[in-house]
Amino acid sequence: MARLIFEPAEQQALRGAARTEFPGNPALAYVLENLASEGIDLDRCRDWEDLRTENGLPPQSDEAPNVV
């Protein structure tokens, strides 16, 4: 299993950023707090196109490259 774990100093930096940089966006603050405490399970990461397909979105095209 591949897992990215943050050192205690990095965890504190992420938590500090979550509190100071994103006070108006609690969802983003939650994500940073969660990353700090849980790390990232690299085995569970998925490709952007797979996520689009799962959610019924068309494949990304040159005509609309940044449309989600």
C-alpha atoms as a PDB file:
ATOM      1  CA  MET A   1       0.000   0.000   0.000  1.00  0.00           C
ATOM      2  CA  ALA A   2       1.375   3.403  -1.002  1.00  0.00           C
ATOM      3  CA  ARG A   3       0.600   6.157   1.464  1.00  0.00           C
ATOM      4  CA  LEU A   4       1.805   9.740   1.777  1.00  0.00           C
ATOM      5  CA  ILE A   5       2.102  10.766   5.420  1.00  0.00           C
ATOM      6  CA  PHE A   6       2.993  14.268   6.573  1.00  0.00           C
ATOM      7  CA  GLU A   7       5.558  14.970   9.270  1.00  0.00           C
ATOM      8  CA  PRO A   8       4.281  16.795  12.377  1.00  0.00           C
ATOM      9  CA  ALA A   9       5.625  20.164  11.171  1.00  0.00           C
ATOM     10  CA  GLU A  10       3.934  19.686   7.796  1.00  0.00           C
ATOM     11  CA  GLN A  11       0.690  18.717   9.528  1.00  0.00           C
ATOM     12  CA  GLN A  12       0.802  21.934  11.557  1.00  0.00           C
ATOM     13  CA  ALA A  13       1.450  23.982   8.407  1.00  0.00           C
ATOM     14  CA  LEU A  14      -1.552  22.421   6.638  1.00  0.00           C
ATOM     15  CA  ARG A  15      -3.767  22.994   9.664  1.00  0.00           C
ATOM     16  CA  GLY A  16      -2.581  26.584   9.930  1.00  0.00           C
ATOM     17  CA  ALA A  17      -3.319  27.171   6.246  1.00  0.00           C
ATOM     18  CA  ALA A  18      -6.762  25.651   6.655  1.00  0.00           C
ATOM     19  CA  ARG A  19      -7.565  28.069   9.473  1.00  0.00           C
ATOM     20  CA  THR A  20      -6.023  31.252   8.061  1.00  0.00           C
ATOM     21  CA  GLU A  21      -6.267  30.958   4.283  1.00  0.00           C
ATOM     22  CA  PHE A  22      -9.748  29.471   3.955  1.00  0.00           C
ATOM     23  CA  PRO A  23     -11.954  30.902   6.726  1.00  0.00           C
ATOM     24  CA  GLY A  24     -14.773  31.515   4.240  1.00  0.00           C
ATOM     25  CA  ASN A  25     -14.593  28.042   2.709  1.00  0.00           C
ATOM     26  CA  PRO A  26     -15.200  25.408   5.379  1.00  0.00           C
ATOM     27  CA  ALA A  27     -15.188  22.561   2.829  1.00  0.00           C
ATOM     28  CA  LEU A  28     -11.663  23.370   1.688  1.00  0.00           C
ATOM     29  CA  ALA A  29     -10.519  23.875   5.262  1.00  0.00           C
ATOM     30  CA  TYR A  30     -11.947  20.425   6.112  1.00  0.00           C
ATOM     31  CA  VAL A  31     -10.053  18.826   3.220  1.00  0.00           C
ATOM     32  CA  LEU A  32      -6.747  20.338   4.359  1.00  0.00           C
ATOM     33  CA  GLU A  33      -7.387  19.280   7.959  1.00  0.00           C
ATOM     34  CA  ASN A  34      -8.198  15.756   6.762  1.00  0.00           C
ATOM     35  CA  LEU A  35      -5.058  15.589   4.591  1.00  0.00           C
ATOM     36  CA  ALA A  36      -2.960  16.707   7.537  1.00  0.00           C
ATOM     37  CA  SER A  37      -4.323  14.054   9.864  1.00  0.00           C
ATOM     38  CA  GLU A  38      -4.925  11.119   7.496  1.00  0.00           C
ATOM     39  CA  GLY A  39      -2.344  11.587   4.745  1.00  0.00           C
ATOM     40  CA  ILE A  40      -3.086  10.393   1.204  1.00  0.00           C
ATOM     41  CA  ASP A  41      -3.697   6.796   0.182  1.00  0.00           C
ATOM     42  CA  LEU A  42      -2.066   6.768  -3.255  1.00  0.00           C
ATOM     43  CA  ASP A  43      -3.656   3.403  -4.096  1.00  0.00           C
ATOM     44  CA  ARG A  44      -7.105   5.023  -3.987  1.00  0.00           C
ATOM     45  CA  CYS A  45      -6.251   7.961  -6.288  1.00  0.00           C
ATOM     46  CA  ARG A  46      -8.190   7.961  -9.544  1.00  0.00           C
ATOM     47  CA  ASP A  47      -7.724   9.570 -12.922  1.00  0.00           C
ATOM     48  CA  TRP A  48      -9.761  12.709 -13.700  1.00  0.00           C
ATOM     49  CA  GLU A  49     -11.324  11.065 -16.766  1.00  0.00           C
ATOM     50  CA  ASP A  50     -12.453   8.094 -14.643  1.00  0.00           C
ATOM     51  CA  LEU A  51     -14.187  10.516 -12.261  1.00  0.00           C
ATOM     52  CA  ARG A  52     -15.894  12.267 -15.192  1.00  0.00           C
ATOM     53  CA  THR A  53     -17.155   8.929 -16.529  1.00  0.00           C
ATOM     54  CA  GLU A  54     -18.416   7.813 -13.107  1.00  0.00           C
ATOM     55  CA  ASN A  55     -20.409  11.033 -12.824  1.00  0.00           C
ATOM     56  CA  GLY A  56     -21.917  10.751 -16.297  1.00  0.00           C
ATOM     57  CA  LEU A  57     -19.941  13.614 -17.802  1.00  0.00           C
ATOM     58  CA  PRO A  58     -18.663  13.507 -21.384  1.00  0.00           C
ATOM     59  CA  PRO A  59     -14.956  13.062 -22.059  1.00  0.00           C
ATOM     60  CA  GLN A  60     -12.909  16.252 -21.992  1.00  0.00           C
ATOM     61  CA  SER A  61     -12.443  17.773 -25.444  1.00  0.00           C
ATOM     62  CA  ASP A  62     -10.281  20.475 -27.005  1.00  0.00           C
ATOM     63  CA  GLU A  63     -13.397  22.627 -27.455  1.00  0.00           C
ATOM     64  CA  ALA A  64     -14.101  22.785 -23.728  1.00  0.00           C
ATOM     65  CA  PRO A  65     -10.873  21.766 -21.940  1.00  0.00           C
ATOM     66  CA  ASN A  66     -11.755  23.190 -18.531  1.00  0.00           C
ATOM     67  CA  VAL A  67     -15.426  22.301 -18.296  1.00  0.00           C
ATOM     68  CA  VAL A  68     -16.293  19.972 -15.442  1.00  0.00           C
END
